[in-house]
Protein backbone atom coordinates (compact mmCIF):
# COMPACT_ATOMS: atom_id res chain seq x y z
CA MET A 1 0.00 0.00 0.00
CA SER A 2 1.44 3.40 -0.93
CA GLU A 3 2.26 5.99 1.71
CA ARG A 4 -0.38 8.32 0.25
CA LEU A 5 -3.08 5.65 0.48
CA GLN A 6 -2.04 4.84 4.06
CA ASN A 7 -2.32 8.54 4.99
CA LEU A 8 -5.78 8.82 3.39
CA SER A 9 -6.91 5.71 5.26
CA ALA A 10 -5.64 7.19 8.53
CA TYR A 11 -7.43 10.49 7.85
CA ALA A 12 -10.70 8.65 7.18
CA ALA A 13 -10.28 6.55 10.34
CA ASP A 14 -9.85 9.77 12.36
CA GLY A 15 -13.10 11.12 10.90
CA LEU A 16 -11.39 13.78 8.78
CA GLU A 17 -12.86 14.62 5.38
CA ILE A 18 -11.12 13.55 2.20
CA ASP A 19 -11.81 15.51 -0.97
CA GLU A 20 -13.17 13.80 -4.08
CA GLU A 21 -9.88 13.97 -6.00
CA ASP A 22 -7.96 12.25 -3.17
CA ALA A 23 -10.67 9.59 -2.87
CA LEU A 24 -10.51 8.90 -6.63
CA GLN A 25 -6.70 8.67 -6.48
CA ALA A 26 -6.94 6.27 -3.54
CA ARG A 27 -9.40 4.10 -5.47
CA THR A 28 -7.04 4.13 -8.46
CA GLU A 29 -4.10 3.08 -6.27
CA ARG A 30 -6.12 0.11 -4.99
CA SER A 31 -7.01 -0.92 -8.54
CA VAL A 32 -4.89 -3.71 -9.92
CA PRO A 33 -3.21 -2.98 -13.25
CA VAL A 34 -3.18 -6.13 -15.35
CA GLY A 35 -1.17 -6.96 -18.43
CA GLY A 36 -2.82 -10.21 -19.51
CA ALA A 37 -6.16 -11.80 -18.88
CA VAL A 38 -6.71 -12.16 -15.15
CA CYS A 39 -9.59 -13.98 -13.51
CA ALA A 40 -10.86 -11.12 -11.38
CA ILE A 41 -13.77 -13.09 -9.95
CA GLY A 42 -13.65 -16.88 -10.05
CA ALA A 43 -16.52 -19.31 -10.49
CA GLY A 44 -18.58 -19.48 -7.32
CA ALA A 45 -17.19 -16.17 -6.00
CA ARG A 46 -19.42 -13.15 -5.33
CA PHE A 47 -18.41 -9.48 -5.41
CA GLN A 48 -20.42 -6.37 -4.62
CA GLY A 49 -19.07 -2.86 -5.26
CA LEU A 50 -16.74 -1.12 -7.71
CA LEU A 51 -14.34 -3.16 -9.85
CA SER A 52 -11.75 -0.96 -11.57
CA PHE A 53 -8.79 -2.12 -13.69
CA TRP A 54 -6.50 -1.53 -16.67
CA GLY A 55 -5.75 -4.22 -19.24
CA SER A 56 -8.03 -7.23 -19.36
CA ALA A 57 -10.00 -9.27 -16.86
CA ARG A 58 -12.37 -12.22 -16.82
CA ILE A 59 -15.29 -12.76 -14.49
CA GLU A 60 -16.61 -16.29 -13.92
CA GLY A 61 -18.63 -15.60 -10.75
CA SER A 62 -21.21 -13.05 -9.63
CA LEU A 63 -20.83 -9.27 -9.48
CA HIS A 64 -23.33 -6.62 -8.41
CA GLY A 65 -22.26 -2.99 -8.67
CA GLU A 66 -20.09 -1.10 -11.13
CA ILE A 67 -17.22 -1.98 -13.47
CA VAL A 68 -14.95 0.73 -14.85
CA ALA A 69 -11.99 -0.22 -17.01
CA ARG A 70 -9.56 0.84 -19.67
CA GLY A 71 -9.30 -2.44 -21.48
CA ALA A 72 -11.24 -5.62 -22.14
CA LEU A 73 -13.64 -7.50 -19.91
CA GLU A 74 -14.81 -11.05 -20.52
CA LEU A 75 -17.82 -12.49 -18.73
CA GLY A 76 -17.49 -16.28 -18.71
CA PRO A 77 -20.38 -18.73 -19.21
CA GLN A 78 -21.09 -18.98 -15.45
CA ALA A 79 -20.87 -15.22 -14.86
CA HIS A 80 -23.89 -13.33 -13.59
CA VAL A 81 -23.31 -9.57 -13.59
CA LYS A 82 -25.82 -6.93 -12.57
CA ALA A 83 -23.97 -3.65 -12.99
CA ARG A 84 -23.20 -0.38 -14.68
CA VAL A 85 -20.33 -1.30 -17.01
CA ASP A 86 -17.93 1.13 -18.70
CA VAL A 87 -15.13 -0.62 -20.64
CA ASP A 88 -13.35 -0.51 -24.00
CA VAL A 89 -14.24 -4.06 -25.12
CA LEU A 90 -16.83 -6.37 -23.57
CA ILE A 91 -17.27 -10.05 -24.43
CA VAL A 92 -20.25 -11.80 -22.83
CA GLU A 93 -20.78 -15.55 -22.52
CA GLY A 94 -22.87 -15.47 -19.31
CA THR A 95 -25.65 -13.20 -18.02
CA LEU A 96 -25.43 -9.41 -17.92
CA GLU A 97 -28.07 -6.99 -16.62
CA GLY A 98 -27.68 -3.23 -16.37
CA HIS A 99 -26.28 -0.30 -18.32
CA VAL A 100 -23.31 -0.79 -20.63
CA VAL A 101 -20.88 1.53 -22.39
CA ALA A 102 -18.44 -0.42 -24.56
CA ARG A 103 -16.27 2.26 -26.15
CA GLU A 104 -14.93 0.00 -28.94
CA ARG A 105 -16.96 -3.22 -29.22
CA LEU A 106 -19.45 -5.54 -27.54
CA GLU A 107 -19.68 -9.23 -28.42
CA VAL A 108 -22.56 -11.40 -27.18
CA LEU A 109 -21.57 -15.05 -27.68
CA PRO A 110 -23.80 -18.15 -28.05
CA GLY A 111 -25.63 -18.95 -24.82
CA ALA A 112 -25.17 -15.43 -23.41
CA ARG A 113 -28.08 -13.41 -22.06
CA VAL A 114 -27.87 -9.60 -22.05
CA LEU A 115 -30.67 -7.50 -20.55
CA ALA A 116 -29.33 -3.97 -20.77
CA ALA A 117 -29.26 -0.47 -22.14
CA ILE A 118 -26.16 -0.46 -24.36
CA ARG A 119 -24.06 2.23 -26.02
CA THR A 120 -21.33 1.01 -28.38
CA PRO A 121 -20.04 1.71 -31.89
CA SER A 122 -19.81 -2.03 -32.70
CA LEU A 123 -22.11 -4.87 -31.64
CA VAL A 124 -21.89 -8.56 -32.54
CA VAL A 125 -24.72 -10.85 -31.39
CA ALA A 126 -24.08 -14.51 -32.21
CA ASP A 127 -26.74 -17.09 -33.06
CA GLY A 128 -28.06 -18.56 -29.82
CA ALA A 129 -27.44 -15.39 -27.80
CA VAL A 130 -30.24 -13.32 -26.24
CA PHE A 131 -30.32 -9.52 -26.19
CA GLU A 132 -33.20 -7.57 -24.66
CA GLY A 133 -33.03 -3.86 -24.06
CA ARG A 134 -32.07 -0.60 -25.69
CA LEU A 135 -29.18 -0.17 -28.08
CA GLU A 136 -27.50 3.06 -29.13
CA MET A 137 -24.91 2.66 -31.85
CA ALA A 138 -22.51 5.52 -31.27
CA GLY A 139 -19.62 6.15 -33.60
CA SER A 140 -17.12 8.84 -32.77
CA ALA A 141 -19.94 11.31 -32.01
CA PRO A 142 -20.24 12.48 -28.40
CA ALA A 143 -23.11 11.25 -26.22
CA GLY A 144 -26.38 12.89 -27.28
CA GLY A 145 -24.93 13.78 -30.68
CA GLY A 146 -26.81 15.82 -33.24
CA PRO A 147 -28.86 14.89 -36.30
CA GLY A 148 -27.52 11.93 -38.18
CA ASP A 149 -26.16 10.33 -35.01
CA PRO A 150 -27.07 6.68 -35.57
CA ALA A 151 -29.29 5.40 -32.78
CA VAL A 152 -31.10 2.08 -32.82
CA SER A 153 -33.60 0.76 -30.31
CA ALA A 154 -34.24 -2.93 -29.88
CA ALA A 155 -36.68 -4.68 -27.61
């Protein structure tokens, strides 16, 4: 644990206020940078809260909360995720419920079940996969872009 994170933890324990920027930095310092695929949550494991990482991760268990990443996230066939997800690339084999921003691509593989509001520039839904929800195909335009911004709704 870094000295800065230790100091912030001590301040919080003493009941002193920590500003938002310091809290965000502390959260970032606790995040685990990954270079290759890492099983962040194994089969049978349960996690509730914020999962934040760089690189790529794979979830095989259950997560309820929020996922924020610069990189790729894979949800394995046993995964059950109910969350707000904000990643570069998302590959789903299990079950996903919530709100999703996949900045580059979202792939829904055979057997996967996605019940979500999705924003992504690229979506692949394989035969045998289920998608229910709202879809907004967003290219390089900012959120809430102007006329001509491609938006598609699916139910």
